[in-house]
Amino acid sequence: MLDLILLDAETGAAQQGSQWSFWVMMILIFVVFYFFMIRPQTKKQKELQKQRENMKKGDKVVTAGGIYGEIKEVQETTFIITIAKDVTIKVSKDSVFADVADVAQAAQEEKK
């Protein structure tokens, strides 16, 4: 009878330890996931939003659809972009990115 009680106590302790290690591993996985996936993405989104807020008339941009143009007018939630002579389009601010060549050129001018 004593053997049965001791055996039951050992399996209960093993199961308890197993549950703790499961939760520790789950928390560790979440922390790693946060620091390698979520945090960099939110940082990148904030940087992109700041960049969009600083765009002004005359900046060269690329839309999410791949259309290159120059900002003609800035409105509250949209840009009016000139893509060719006498051709303008109205696009949402969320779908516009700074032209990479324009940004690189501006960075070189700042270094001088």
C-alpha atoms as a PDB file:
ATOM      1  CA  MET A   1       0.000   0.000   0.000  1.00  0.00           C
ATOM      2  CA  LEU A   2       2.857   2.370   0.851  1.00  0.00           C
ATOM      3  CA  ASP A   3       4.449   1.645  -2.542  1.00  0.00           C
ATOM      4  CA  LEU A   4       1.251   2.697  -4.296  1.00  0.00           C
ATOM      5  CA  ILE A   5       1.116   6.018  -2.392  1.00  0.00           C
ATOM      6  CA  LEU A   6       4.777   6.780  -3.144  1.00  0.00           C
ATOM      7  CA  LEU A   7       4.327   5.897  -6.824  1.00  0.00           C
ATOM      8  CA  ASP A   8       1.301   8.209  -7.060  1.00  0.00           C
ATOM      9  CA  ALA A   9       3.255  11.048  -5.405  1.00  0.00           C
ATOM     10  CA  GLU A  10       6.152  10.651  -7.855  1.00  0.00           C
ATOM     11  CA  THR A  11       3.931  10.759 -10.958  1.00  0.00           C
ATOM     12  CA  GLY A  12       2.088  13.800  -9.600  1.00  0.00           C
ATOM     13  CA  ALA A  13       5.374  15.630  -9.071  1.00  0.00           C
ATOM     14  CA  ALA A  14       6.547  14.694 -12.557  1.00  0.00           C
ATOM     15  CA  GLN A  15       3.329  16.011 -14.096  1.00  0.00           C
ATOM     16  CA  GLN A  16       3.598  19.242 -12.103  1.00  0.00           C
ATOM     17  CA  GLY A  17       7.166  19.774 -13.324  1.00  0.00           C
ATOM     18  CA  SER A  18       6.068  19.059 -16.864  1.00  0.00           C
ATOM     19  CA  GLN A  19       3.365  21.723 -16.659  1.00  0.00           C
ATOM     20  CA  TRP A  20       5.829  24.302 -15.377  1.00  0.00           C
ATOM     21  CA  SER A  21       8.324  23.569 -18.132  1.00  0.00           C
ATOM     22  CA  PHE A  22       5.514  23.848 -20.703  1.00  0.00           C
ATOM     23  CA  TRP A  23       4.534  27.329 -19.482  1.00  0.00           C
ATOM     24  CA  VAL A  24       8.146  28.467 -19.231  1.00  0.00           C
ATOM     25  CA  MET A  25       8.744  27.355 -22.833  1.00  0.00           C
ATOM     26  CA  MET A  26       5.557  29.086 -24.033  1.00  0.00           C
ATOM     27  CA  ILE A  27       6.572  32.355 -22.365  1.00  0.00           C
ATOM     28  CA  LEU A  28      10.090  32.057 -23.772  1.00  0.00           C
ATOM     29  CA  ILE A  29       8.711  31.481 -27.279  1.00  0.00           C
ATOM     30  CA  PHE A  30       6.438  34.525 -26.946  1.00  0.00           C
ATOM     31  CA  VAL A  31       9.330  36.729 -25.762  1.00  0.00           C
ATOM     32  CA  VAL A  32      11.530  35.628 -28.658  1.00  0.00           C
ATOM     33  CA  PHE A  33       8.660  36.104 -31.098  1.00  0.00           C
ATOM     34  CA  TYR A  34       8.036  39.616 -29.728  1.00  0.00           C
ATOM     35  CA  PHE A  35      11.647  40.779 -29.955  1.00  0.00           C
ATOM     36  CA  PHE A  36      12.366  39.279 -33.373  1.00  0.00           C
ATOM     37  CA  MET A  37       9.012  39.786 -35.140  1.00  0.00           C
ATOM     38  CA  ILE A  38       6.565  42.190 -33.495  1.00  0.00           C
ATOM     39  CA  ARG A  39       8.848  44.909 -32.118  1.00  0.00           C
ATOM     40  CA  PRO A  40      10.851  45.498 -35.335  1.00  0.00           C
ATOM     41  CA  GLN A  41       7.646  45.613 -37.374  1.00  0.00           C
ATOM     42  CA  THR A  42       6.010  48.223 -35.120  1.00  0.00           C
ATOM     43  CA  LYS A  43       9.217  50.279 -35.172  1.00  0.00           C
ATOM     44  CA  LYS A  44       9.245  50.150 -38.965  1.00  0.00           C
ATOM     45  CA  GLN A  45       5.559  51.174 -39.139  1.00  0.00           C
ATOM     46  CA  LYS A  46       6.158  54.178 -36.862  1.00  0.00           C
ATOM     47  CA  GLU A  47       9.121  55.255 -38.976  1.00  0.00           C
ATOM     48  CA  LEU A  48       7.068  54.946 -42.169  1.00  0.00           C
ATOM     49  CA  GLN A  49       4.197  56.954 -40.648  1.00  0.00           C
ATOM     50  CA  LYS A  50       6.616  59.700 -39.569  1.00  0.00           C
ATOM     51  CA  GLN A  51       8.093  59.767 -43.063  1.00  0.00           C
ATOM     52  CA  ARG A  52       4.618  60.141 -44.622  1.00  0.00           C
ATOM     53  CA  GLU A  53       3.759  62.999 -42.253  1.00  0.00           C
ATOM     54  CA  ASN A  54       6.940  64.841 -43.310  1.00  0.00           C
ATOM     55  CA  MET A  55       6.241  64.573 -47.058  1.00  0.00           C
ATOM     56  CA  LYS A  56       5.676  67.891 -48.763  1.00  0.00           C
ATOM     57  CA  LYS A  57       5.000  69.371 -52.174  1.00  0.00           C
ATOM     58  CA  GLY A  58       7.750  68.490 -54.646  1.00  0.00           C
ATOM     59  CA  ASP A  59       8.850  65.205 -53.007  1.00  0.00           C
ATOM     60  CA  LYS A  60       9.313  62.274 -55.346  1.00  0.00           C
ATOM     61  CA  VAL A  61       7.247  59.243 -54.277  1.00  0.00           C
ATOM     62  CA  VAL A  62       6.250  55.737 -55.295  1.00  0.00           C
ATOM     63  CA  THR A  63       2.738  54.411 -54.754  1.00  0.00           C
ATOM     64  CA  ALA A  64       1.989  50.915 -53.496  1.00  0.00           C
ATOM     65  CA  GLY A  65       0.993  50.071 -57.081  1.00  0.00           C
ATOM     66  CA  GLY A  66       4.462  51.020 -58.351  1.00  0.00           C
ATOM     67  CA  ILE A  67       3.585  54.405 -59.890  1.00  0.00           C
ATOM     68  CA  TYR A  68       6.361  56.983 -59.652  1.00  0.00           C
ATOM     69  CA  GLY A  69       5.457  60.629 -59.336  1.00  0.00           C
ATOM     70  CA  GLU A  70       5.910  63.945 -57.596  1.00  0.00           C
ATOM     71  CA  ILE A  71       3.629  65.353 -54.915  1.00  0.00           C
ATOM     72  CA  LYS A  72       1.656  68.298 -56.259  1.00  0.00           C
ATOM     73  CA  GLU A  73      -0.628  68.870 -53.284  1.00  0.00           C
ATOM     74  CA  VAL A  74      -0.879  67.539 -49.724  1.00  0.00           C
ATOM     75  CA  GLN A  75      -4.346  67.054 -48.238  1.00  0.00           C
ATOM     76  CA  GLU A  76      -5.465  65.659 -44.888  1.00  0.00           C
ATOM     77  CA  THR A  77      -5.603  61.972 -45.863  1.00  0.00           C
ATOM     78  CA  THR A  78      -4.518  62.035 -49.515  1.00  0.00           C
ATOM     79  CA  PHE A  79      -1.850  63.284 -51.898  1.00  0.00           C
ATOM     80  CA  ILE A  80      -2.359  64.698 -55.381  1.00  0.00           C
ATOM     81  CA  ILE A  81       0.535  63.261 -57.393  1.00  0.00           C
ATOM     82  CA  THR A  82       1.731  64.322 -60.830  1.00  0.00           C
ATOM     83  CA  ILE A  83       2.810  61.232 -62.773  1.00  0.00           C
ATOM     84  CA  ALA A  84       3.217  62.819 -66.225  1.00  0.00           C
ATOM     85  CA  LYS A  85       2.741  66.206 -67.860  1.00  0.00           C
ATOM     86  CA  ASP A  86      -0.837  67.301 -67.064  1.00  0.00           C
ATOM     87  CA  VAL A  87      -1.647  63.908 -65.492  1.00  0.00           C
ATOM     88  CA  THR A  88      -2.448  63.881 -61.781  1.00  0.00           C
ATOM     89  CA  ILE A  89      -3.859  61.209 -59.524  1.00  0.00           C
ATOM     90  CA  LYS A  90      -5.276  61.300 -56.026  1.00  0.00           C
ATOM     91  CA  VAL A  91      -3.986  58.562 -53.714  1.00  0.00           C
ATOM     92  CA  SER A  92      -4.296  57.728 -50.040  1.00  0.00           C
ATOM     93  CA  LYS A  93      -1.355  58.667 -47.830  1.00  0.00           C
ATOM     94  CA  ASP A  94      -1.210  55.063 -46.632  1.00  0.00           C
ATOM     95  CA  SER A  95      -0.253  53.858 -50.116  1.00  0.00           C
ATOM     96  CA  VAL A  96       2.662  56.243 -50.721  1.00  0.00           C
ATOM     97  CA  PHE A  97       6.346  55.675 -50.012  1.00  0.00           C
ATOM     98  CA  ALA A  98       9.312  58.005 -50.489  1.00  0.00           C
ATOM     99  CA  ASP A  99      11.291  57.358 -53.650  1.00  0.00           C
ATOM    100  CA  VAL A 100      14.432  55.460 -52.603  1.00  0.00           C
ATOM    101  CA  ALA A 101      16.673  57.359 -55.033  1.00  0.00           C
ATOM    102  CA  ASP A 102      15.340  60.677 -53.720  1.00  0.00           C
ATOM    103  CA  VAL A 103      15.982  59.647 -50.112  1.00  0.00           C
ATOM    104  CA  ALA A 104      19.530  58.498 -50.938  1.00  0.00           C
ATOM    105  CA  GLN A 105      20.247  61.781 -52.705  1.00  0.00           C
ATOM    106  CA  ALA A 106      18.918  63.801 -49.742  1.00  0.00           C
ATOM    107  CA  ALA A 107      21.096  61.775 -47.358  1.00  0.00           C
ATOM    108  CA  GLN A 108      24.202  62.501 -49.465  1.00  0.00           C
ATOM    109  CA  GLU A 109      23.394  66.222 -49.510  1.00  0.00           C
ATOM    110  CA  GLU A 110      23.094  66.246 -45.706  1.00  0.00           C
ATOM    111  CA  LYS A 111      26.558  64.690 -45.351  1.00  0.00           C
ATOM    112  CA  LYS A 112      28.171  67.502 -47.373  1.00  0.00           C
END
